[in-house]
Amino acid sequence: MSKLHFTTKHANEATVQRNWYVVDGTNQTVGRMSAKIAAVLRGKNKAYYTPHVDCGDYVIVINADKVVLTGAKLEQKEYQHFTGYPGGQKIEMAKDLLRRRPEVVVERAVKGMLPKNRLGRKMYKKLFVYAGAEHAHKAQQPKELKF
């Protein structure tokens, strides 16, 4: 009687194929779009996904200034950061940040959905967000990612 022996294939840096994708943020809900982008950055869309390996793809987000926040988030959501100085806690409303620096809204939403460790920081570096329709990654020939 022969024994069947199956082995699990684990991805590593040598076997990972990285693709480039471009996402159009026009009329996209920030949270739903960010969740799907985070899954692609992690590599969860691939058959050989391995949790402890960065097997994700590069993602370019264009038209970040045209994203949509649902409900009352535009008026009520606050973004906070701390400068490091006494009394240096800065709070900015979502509508003001979306007007001033719309890339930050998408970047922070995606970053919050990635792992909070050095692997997550490595994945985050593969995200490129632009407020307008132009991006500087034409040479990589990114494919359009539809949701």
N, C-alpha and C. Protein backbone atom coordinates (compact mmCIF):
# COMPACT_ATOMS: atom_id res chain seq x y z
N MET A 1 0.85 -1.18 0.00
CA MET A 1 0.00 0.00 0.00
C MET A 1 0.90 1.24 0.00
N SER A 2 0.70 2.10 -0.97
CA SER A 2 1.53 3.31 -1.06
C SER A 2 0.89 4.45 -0.27
N LYS A 3 1.75 5.24 0.33
CA LYS A 3 1.27 6.38 1.10
C LYS A 3 1.28 7.63 0.22
N LEU A 4 0.24 8.36 0.30
CA LEU A 4 0.22 9.65 -0.40
C LEU A 4 0.85 10.68 0.52
N HIS A 5 1.75 11.46 -0.03
CA HIS A 5 2.42 12.47 0.78
C HIS A 5 2.32 13.81 0.07
N PHE A 6 1.56 14.72 0.67
CA PHE A 6 1.38 16.04 0.09
C PHE A 6 2.20 17.04 0.88
N THR A 7 2.78 17.99 0.20
CA THR A 7 3.52 19.04 0.88
C THR A 7 2.88 20.38 0.54
N THR A 8 2.88 21.25 1.50
CA THR A 8 2.35 22.59 1.30
C THR A 8 3.44 23.46 0.68
N LYS A 9 3.08 24.17 -0.35
CA LYS A 9 4.03 25.08 -0.99
C LYS A 9 3.95 26.43 -0.28
N HIS A 10 5.07 26.89 0.23
CA HIS A 10 5.15 28.19 0.87
C HIS A 10 5.81 29.17 -0.07
N ALA A 11 5.24 30.35 -0.18
CA ALA A 11 5.84 31.38 -1.02
C ALA A 11 7.09 31.93 -0.34
N ASN A 12 8.04 32.38 -1.14
CA ASN A 12 9.20 33.10 -0.63
C ASN A 12 9.57 34.18 -1.63
N GLU A 13 10.56 34.98 -1.32
CA GLU A 13 10.90 36.11 -2.18
C GLU A 13 11.28 35.68 -3.59
N ALA A 14 11.81 34.47 -3.75
CA ALA A 14 12.22 33.99 -5.07
C ALA A 14 11.03 33.55 -5.92
N THR A 15 9.95 33.09 -5.29
CA THR A 15 8.82 32.55 -6.06
C THR A 15 7.68 33.53 -6.26
N VAL A 16 7.70 34.66 -5.58
CA VAL A 16 6.59 35.61 -5.66
C VAL A 16 6.65 36.40 -6.97
N GLN A 17 5.52 36.43 -7.69
CA GLN A 17 5.36 37.25 -8.89
C GLN A 17 4.61 38.51 -8.48
N ARG A 18 5.21 39.66 -8.70
CA ARG A 18 4.55 40.92 -8.34
C ARG A 18 4.02 41.61 -9.59
N ASN A 19 2.76 42.01 -9.52
CA ASN A 19 2.11 42.75 -10.61
C ASN A 19 1.85 44.17 -10.16
N TRP A 20 1.60 45.03 -11.12
CA TRP A 20 1.23 46.42 -10.85
C TRP A 20 -0.22 46.62 -11.24
N TYR A 21 -0.99 47.23 -10.34
CA TYR A 21 -2.39 47.52 -10.60
C TYR A 21 -2.66 49.00 -10.38
N VAL A 22 -3.61 49.53 -11.14
CA VAL A 22 -4.04 50.92 -10.94
C VAL A 22 -5.53 50.89 -10.60
N VAL A 23 -5.90 51.67 -9.58
CA VAL A 23 -7.28 51.76 -9.10
C VAL A 23 -7.74 53.20 -9.27
N ASP A 24 -8.91 53.37 -9.88
CA ASP A 24 -9.49 54.70 -10.02
C ASP A 24 -10.43 54.94 -8.85
N GLY A 25 -10.14 55.97 -8.05
CA GLY A 25 -10.91 56.24 -6.84
C GLY A 25 -12.16 57.05 -7.07
N THR A 26 -12.51 57.36 -8.32
CA THR A 26 -13.68 58.18 -8.60
C THR A 26 -14.95 57.49 -8.11
N ASN A 27 -15.69 58.18 -7.24
CA ASN A 27 -16.96 57.71 -6.67
C ASN A 27 -16.83 56.37 -5.94
N GLN A 28 -15.66 56.05 -5.43
CA GLN A 28 -15.46 54.83 -4.64
C GLN A 28 -15.58 55.19 -3.16
N THR A 29 -16.23 54.33 -2.39
CA THR A 29 -16.30 54.50 -0.94
C THR A 29 -14.93 54.18 -0.36
N VAL A 30 -14.42 55.05 0.50
CA VAL A 30 -13.05 54.92 1.01
C VAL A 30 -12.82 53.59 1.70
N GLY A 31 -13.70 53.19 2.61
CA GLY A 31 -13.50 51.98 3.37
C GLY A 31 -13.53 50.72 2.53
N ARG A 32 -14.51 50.62 1.65
CA ARG A 32 -14.64 49.42 0.81
C ARG A 32 -13.48 49.31 -0.16
N MET A 33 -13.10 50.43 -0.75
CA MET A 33 -11.97 50.44 -1.68
C MET A 33 -10.68 50.09 -0.94
N SER A 34 -10.48 50.65 0.24
CA SER A 34 -9.26 50.41 1.00
C SER A 34 -9.14 48.96 1.44
N ALA A 35 -10.24 48.33 1.78
CA ALA A 35 -10.21 46.92 2.19
C ALA A 35 -9.74 46.04 1.04
N LYS A 36 -10.22 46.33 -0.15
CA LYS A 36 -9.81 45.52 -1.32
C LYS A 36 -8.37 45.80 -1.70
N ILE A 37 -7.95 47.05 -1.57
CA ILE A 37 -6.54 47.39 -1.86
C ILE A 37 -5.62 46.70 -0.85
N ALA A 38 -6.00 46.70 0.42
CA ALA A 38 -5.19 46.05 1.46
C ALA A 38 -5.06 44.56 1.19
N ALA A 39 -6.11 43.92 0.70
CA ALA A 39 -6.04 42.49 0.38
C ALA A 39 -5.06 42.23 -0.76
N VAL A 40 -5.04 43.11 -1.76
CA VAL A 40 -4.10 42.96 -2.88
C VAL A 40 -2.67 43.23 -2.41
N LEU A 41 -2.48 44.24 -1.56
CA LEU A 41 -1.14 44.53 -1.03
C LEU A 41 -0.61 43.36 -0.21
N ARG A 42 -1.47 42.66 0.50
CA ARG A 42 -1.05 41.50 1.31
C ARG A 42 -0.82 40.29 0.45
N GLY A 43 -1.48 40.19 -0.72
CA GLY A 43 -1.34 39.04 -1.59
C GLY A 43 -2.45 38.02 -1.39
N LYS A 44 -3.53 38.41 -0.74
CA LYS A 44 -4.61 37.47 -0.47
C LYS A 44 -5.39 37.09 -1.72
N ASN A 45 -5.15 37.77 -2.82
CA ASN A 45 -5.81 37.43 -4.08
C ASN A 45 -5.06 36.34 -4.83
N LYS A 46 -3.99 35.82 -4.28
CA LYS A 46 -3.17 34.82 -4.96
C LYS A 46 -3.35 33.44 -4.32
N ALA A 47 -3.20 32.41 -5.13
CA ALA A 47 -3.39 31.04 -4.65
C ALA A 47 -2.29 30.64 -3.67
N TYR A 48 -1.10 31.22 -3.82
CA TYR A 48 0.02 30.84 -2.96
C TYR A 48 0.23 31.81 -1.81
N TYR A 49 -0.82 32.46 -1.35
CA TYR A 49 -0.73 33.40 -0.24
C TYR A 49 -0.13 32.72 0.98
N THR A 50 0.86 33.35 1.55
CA THR A 50 1.51 32.87 2.77
C THR A 50 1.54 34.03 3.76
N PRO A 51 0.97 33.86 4.96
CA PRO A 51 0.83 34.99 5.88
C PRO A 51 2.14 35.65 6.31
N HIS A 52 3.22 34.88 6.42
CA HIS A 52 4.46 35.45 6.92
C HIS A 52 5.40 35.94 5.82
N VAL A 53 4.91 35.98 4.56
CA VAL A 53 5.72 36.44 3.43
C VAL A 53 4.97 37.57 2.74
N ASP A 54 5.70 38.58 2.31
CA ASP A 54 5.10 39.67 1.54
C ASP A 54 4.95 39.20 0.10
N CYS A 55 3.77 38.69 -0.25
CA CYS A 55 3.55 38.20 -1.61
C CYS A 55 2.52 39.06 -2.33
N GLY A 56 2.36 40.30 -1.90
CA GLY A 56 1.38 41.20 -2.50
C GLY A 56 1.89 41.92 -3.72
N ASP A 57 0.99 42.64 -4.36
CA ASP A 57 1.28 43.38 -5.58
C ASP A 57 1.39 44.87 -5.29
N TYR A 58 1.87 45.61 -6.27
CA TYR A 58 1.94 47.07 -6.19
C TYR A 58 0.59 47.64 -6.60
N VAL A 59 0.13 48.66 -5.89
CA VAL A 59 -1.16 49.29 -6.20
C VAL A 59 -0.97 50.79 -6.33
N ILE A 60 -1.49 51.35 -7.42
CA ILE A 60 -1.47 52.79 -7.67
C ILE A 60 -2.92 53.26 -7.59
N VAL A 61 -3.20 54.25 -6.78
CA VAL A 61 -4.55 54.81 -6.67
C VAL A 61 -4.53 56.20 -7.29
N ILE A 62 -5.38 56.41 -8.29
CA ILE A 62 -5.50 57.72 -8.92
C ILE A 62 -6.86 58.32 -8.55
N ASN A 63 -7.00 59.61 -8.74
CA ASN A 63 -8.23 60.35 -8.43
C ASN A 63 -8.66 60.16 -6.97
N ALA A 64 -7.69 60.23 -6.06
CA ALA A 64 -8.00 60.10 -4.64
C ALA A 64 -8.83 61.29 -4.14
N ASP A 65 -8.81 62.38 -4.86
CA ASP A 65 -9.61 63.54 -4.45
C ASP A 65 -11.09 63.36 -4.75
N LYS A 66 -11.47 62.29 -5.47
CA LYS A 66 -12.87 62.06 -5.83
C LYS A 66 -13.49 60.89 -5.06
N VAL A 67 -12.83 60.44 -3.99
CA VAL A 67 -13.39 59.35 -3.19
C VAL A 67 -14.56 59.87 -2.36
N VAL A 68 -15.37 58.95 -1.86
CA VAL A 68 -16.60 59.29 -1.15
C VAL A 68 -16.55 58.72 0.26
N LEU A 69 -16.99 59.52 1.22
CA LEU A 69 -17.20 59.04 2.59
C LEU A 69 -18.70 58.96 2.81
N THR A 70 -19.17 57.85 3.35
CA THR A 70 -20.60 57.65 3.52
C THR A 70 -21.09 58.21 4.84
N GLY A 71 -22.40 58.38 4.93
CA GLY A 71 -23.02 58.84 6.17
C GLY A 71 -22.55 60.23 6.55
N ALA A 72 -22.35 60.43 7.85
CA ALA A 72 -21.94 61.73 8.37
C ALA A 72 -20.44 61.81 8.59
N LYS A 73 -19.68 60.86 8.01
CA LYS A 73 -18.24 60.82 8.25
C LYS A 73 -17.54 62.09 7.77
N LEU A 74 -18.03 62.67 6.70
CA LEU A 74 -17.40 63.88 6.17
C LEU A 74 -17.40 65.00 7.20
N GLU A 75 -18.46 65.09 7.99
CA GLU A 75 -18.59 66.13 9.01
C GLU A 75 -18.04 65.70 10.38
N GLN A 76 -18.08 64.40 10.69
CA GLN A 76 -17.79 63.95 12.05
C GLN A 76 -16.43 63.27 12.22
N LYS A 77 -15.90 62.65 11.18
CA LYS A 77 -14.65 61.89 11.32
C LYS A 77 -13.48 62.82 11.55
N GLU A 78 -12.64 62.43 12.53
CA GLU A 78 -11.47 63.24 12.87
C GLU A 78 -10.20 62.44 12.63
N TYR A 79 -9.20 63.10 12.11
CA TYR A 79 -7.87 62.52 11.96
C TYR A 79 -6.94 63.21 12.96
N GLN A 80 -6.28 62.41 13.80
CA GLN A 80 -5.42 62.97 14.84
C GLN A 80 -3.98 62.57 14.59
N HIS A 81 -3.06 63.44 14.96
CA HIS A 81 -1.65 63.08 15.05
C HIS A 81 -1.00 63.93 16.12
N PHE A 82 0.13 63.46 16.59
CA PHE A 82 0.82 64.12 17.69
C PHE A 82 2.21 64.52 17.22
N THR A 83 2.57 65.78 17.41
CA THR A 83 3.83 66.30 16.91
C THR A 83 5.02 65.87 17.75
N GLY A 84 4.78 65.49 19.00
CA GLY A 84 5.86 65.12 19.90
C GLY A 84 6.18 66.21 20.90
N TYR A 85 5.57 67.36 20.74
CA TYR A 85 5.77 68.48 21.67
C TYR A 85 4.59 68.58 22.62
N PRO A 86 4.78 69.19 23.79
CA PRO A 86 3.66 69.39 24.71
C PRO A 86 2.55 70.21 24.05
N GLY A 87 1.35 69.76 24.15
CA GLY A 87 0.22 70.43 23.52
C GLY A 87 0.21 70.26 22.02
N GLY A 88 0.91 69.27 21.50
CA GLY A 88 1.08 69.11 20.06
C GLY A 88 0.13 68.12 19.42
N GLN A 89 -1.00 67.85 20.04
CA GLN A 89 -1.98 66.97 19.41
C GLN A 89 -2.78 67.78 18.40
N LYS A 90 -2.74 67.35 17.14
CA LYS A 90 -3.43 68.06 16.07
C LYS A 90 -4.63 67.22 15.62
N ILE A 91 -5.77 67.86 15.48
CA ILE A 91 -6.99 67.19 15.04
C ILE A 91 -7.52 67.92 13.81
N GLU A 92 -7.84 67.14 12.79
CA GLU A 92 -8.37 67.73 11.55
C GLU A 92 -9.59 66.94 11.11
N MET A 93 -10.62 67.64 10.69
CA MET A 93 -11.85 66.99 10.25
C MET A 93 -11.63 66.37 8.87
N ALA A 94 -12.42 65.34 8.54
CA ALA A 94 -12.25 64.61 7.29
C ALA A 94 -12.47 65.50 6.07
N LYS A 95 -13.45 66.40 6.13
CA LYS A 95 -13.72 67.24 4.96
C LYS A 95 -12.55 68.18 4.70
N ASP A 96 -11.90 68.68 5.76
CA ASP A 96 -10.75 69.58 5.58
C ASP A 96 -9.54 68.82 5.05
N LEU A 97 -9.29 67.61 5.57
CA LEU A 97 -8.16 66.83 5.10
C LEU A 97 -8.37 66.36 3.67
N LEU A 98 -9.61 66.02 3.31
CA LEU A 98 -9.93 65.60 1.95
C LEU A 98 -9.73 66.75 0.97
N ARG A 99 -9.98 67.96 1.42
CA ARG A 99 -9.77 69.13 0.57
C ARG A 99 -8.28 69.47 0.46
N ARG A 100 -7.56 69.37 1.58
CA ARG A 100 -6.17 69.79 1.63
C ARG A 100 -5.20 68.74 1.08
N ARG A 101 -5.33 67.50 1.56
CA ARG A 101 -4.43 66.40 1.14
C ARG A 101 -5.23 65.12 1.00
N PRO A 102 -5.93 64.92 -0.14
CA PRO A 102 -6.81 63.76 -0.28
C PRO A 102 -6.07 62.42 -0.28
N GLU A 103 -4.77 62.42 -0.63
CA GLU A 103 -4.02 61.16 -0.65
C GLU A 103 -3.94 60.56 0.75
N VAL A 104 -3.85 61.42 1.77
CA VAL A 104 -3.67 60.96 3.14
C VAL A 104 -4.89 60.17 3.62
N VAL A 105 -6.08 60.55 3.18
CA VAL A 105 -7.30 59.85 3.60
C VAL A 105 -7.24 58.39 3.14
N VAL A 106 -6.85 58.16 1.89
CA VAL A 106 -6.77 56.80 1.36
C VAL A 106 -5.59 56.06 1.99
N GLU A 107 -4.45 56.72 2.12
CA GLU A 107 -3.26 56.06 2.68
C GLU A 107 -3.52 55.59 4.11
N ARG A 108 -4.13 56.44 4.93
CA ARG A 108 -4.37 56.07 6.33
C ARG A 108 -5.41 54.96 6.44
N ALA A 109 -6.40 54.97 5.54
CA ALA A 109 -7.41 53.91 5.57
C ALA A 109 -6.78 52.56 5.23
N VAL A 110 -5.92 52.53 4.21
CA VAL A 110 -5.27 51.28 3.82
C VAL A 110 -4.28 50.84 4.88
N LYS A 111 -3.50 51.78 5.40
CA LYS A 111 -2.47 51.44 6.40
C LYS A 111 -3.09 50.82 7.64
N GLY A 112 -4.28 51.29 8.03
CA GLY A 112 -4.95 50.73 9.18
C GLY A 112 -5.43 49.31 8.99
N MET A 113 -5.51 48.85 7.73
CA MET A 113 -5.98 47.51 7.42
C MET A 113 -4.84 46.53 7.18
N LEU A 114 -3.61 46.99 7.27
CA LEU A 114 -2.44 46.13 7.09
C LEU A 114 -1.91 45.69 8.45
N PRO A 115 -1.10 44.63 8.51
CA PRO A 115 -0.53 44.20 9.79
C PRO A 115 0.31 45.29 10.43
N LYS A 116 0.29 45.32 11.77
CA LYS A 116 1.04 46.33 12.51
C LYS A 116 2.40 45.77 12.91
N ASN A 117 3.24 45.47 11.94
CA ASN A 117 4.58 44.96 12.19
C ASN A 117 5.48 45.32 11.01
N ARG A 118 6.71 44.82 11.00
CA ARG A 118 7.62 45.22 9.92
C ARG A 118 7.18 44.68 8.56
N LEU A 119 6.44 43.57 8.56
CA LEU A 119 5.91 43.05 7.31
C LEU A 119 4.84 43.99 6.75
N GLY A 120 3.99 44.52 7.63
CA GLY A 120 2.97 45.47 7.20
C GLY A 120 3.58 46.76 6.67
N ARG A 121 4.68 47.20 7.28
CA ARG A 121 5.36 48.41 6.80
C ARG A 121 5.96 48.17 5.42
N LYS A 122 6.43 46.97 5.18
CA LYS A 122 6.97 46.62 3.86
C LYS A 122 5.86 46.60 2.81
N MET A 123 4.70 46.08 3.18
CA MET A 123 3.55 46.04 2.27
C MET A 123 3.06 47.45 1.95
N TYR A 124 3.07 48.31 2.95
CA TYR A 124 2.58 49.68 2.78
C TYR A 124 3.41 50.46 1.77
N LYS A 125 4.68 50.12 1.63
CA LYS A 125 5.56 50.82 0.70
C LYS A 125 5.22 50.53 -0.75
N LYS A 126 4.36 49.54 -0.99
CA LYS A 126 3.96 49.21 -2.35
C LYS A 126 2.68 49.93 -2.77
N LEU A 127 2.22 50.88 -1.95
CA LEU A 127 1.03 51.66 -2.25
C LEU A 127 1.45 53.06 -2.70
N PHE A 128 0.89 53.50 -3.82
CA PHE A 128 1.17 54.83 -4.36
C PHE A 128 -0.17 55.52 -4.62
N VAL A 129 -0.39 56.67 -3.98
CA VAL A 129 -1.68 57.36 -4.07
C VAL A 129 -1.47 58.73 -4.68
N TYR A 130 -2.28 59.07 -5.66
CA TYR A 130 -2.21 60.37 -6.33
C TYR A 130 -3.58 61.02 -6.34
N ALA A 131 -3.62 62.33 -6.11
CA ALA A 131 -4.89 63.06 -6.07
C ALA A 131 -5.52 63.18 -7.46
N GLY A 132 -4.71 63.36 -8.48
CA GLY A 132 -5.22 63.54 -9.83
C GLY A 132 -5.22 62.25 -10.63
N ALA A 133 -5.43 62.40 -11.94
CA ALA A 133 -5.52 61.23 -12.83
C ALA A 133 -4.16 60.78 -13.35
N GLU A 134 -3.11 61.56 -13.13
CA GLU A 134 -1.78 61.22 -13.64
C GLU A 134 -0.96 60.52 -12.56
N HIS A 135 -0.14 59.56 -12.99
CA HIS A 135 0.79 58.91 -12.07
C HIS A 135 2.12 58.69 -12.77
N ALA A 136 3.16 58.46 -11.99
CA ALA A 136 4.52 58.38 -12.51
C ALA A 136 4.98 56.94 -12.73
N HIS A 137 4.05 56.01 -12.93
CA HIS A 137 4.43 54.60 -13.03
C HIS A 137 3.96 53.98 -14.35
N LYS A 138 3.97 54.78 -15.42
CA LYS A 138 3.53 54.27 -16.72
C LYS A 138 4.46 53.18 -17.23
N ALA A 139 5.76 53.26 -16.89
CA ALA A 139 6.75 52.29 -17.38
C ALA A 139 6.46 50.88 -16.87
N GLN A 140 5.78 50.76 -15.72
CA GLN A 140 5.48 49.45 -15.17
C GLN A 140 4.27 48.80 -15.82
N GLN A 141 3.59 49.54 -16.70
CA GLN A 141 2.40 49.06 -17.43
C GLN A 141 1.38 48.42 -16.48
N PRO A 142 0.83 49.21 -15.55
CA PRO A 142 -0.12 48.64 -14.59
C PRO A 142 -1.43 48.25 -15.25
N LYS A 143 -2.02 47.17 -14.73
CA LYS A 143 -3.33 46.72 -15.20
C LYS A 143 -4.39 47.38 -14.35
N GLU A 144 -5.57 47.60 -14.92
CA GLU A 144 -6.65 48.22 -14.18
C GLU A 144 -7.26 47.19 -13.24
N LEU A 145 -7.49 47.58 -12.01
CA LEU A 145 -8.09 46.70 -11.01
C LEU A 145 -9.51 47.18 -10.76
N LYS A 146 -10.48 46.35 -11.11
CA LYS A 146 -11.89 46.70 -10.95
C LYS A 146 -12.44 46.03 -9.70
N PHE A 147 -13.32 46.75 -9.00
CA PHE A 147 -13.98 46.20 -7.82
C PHE A 147 -15.45 46.00 -8.12
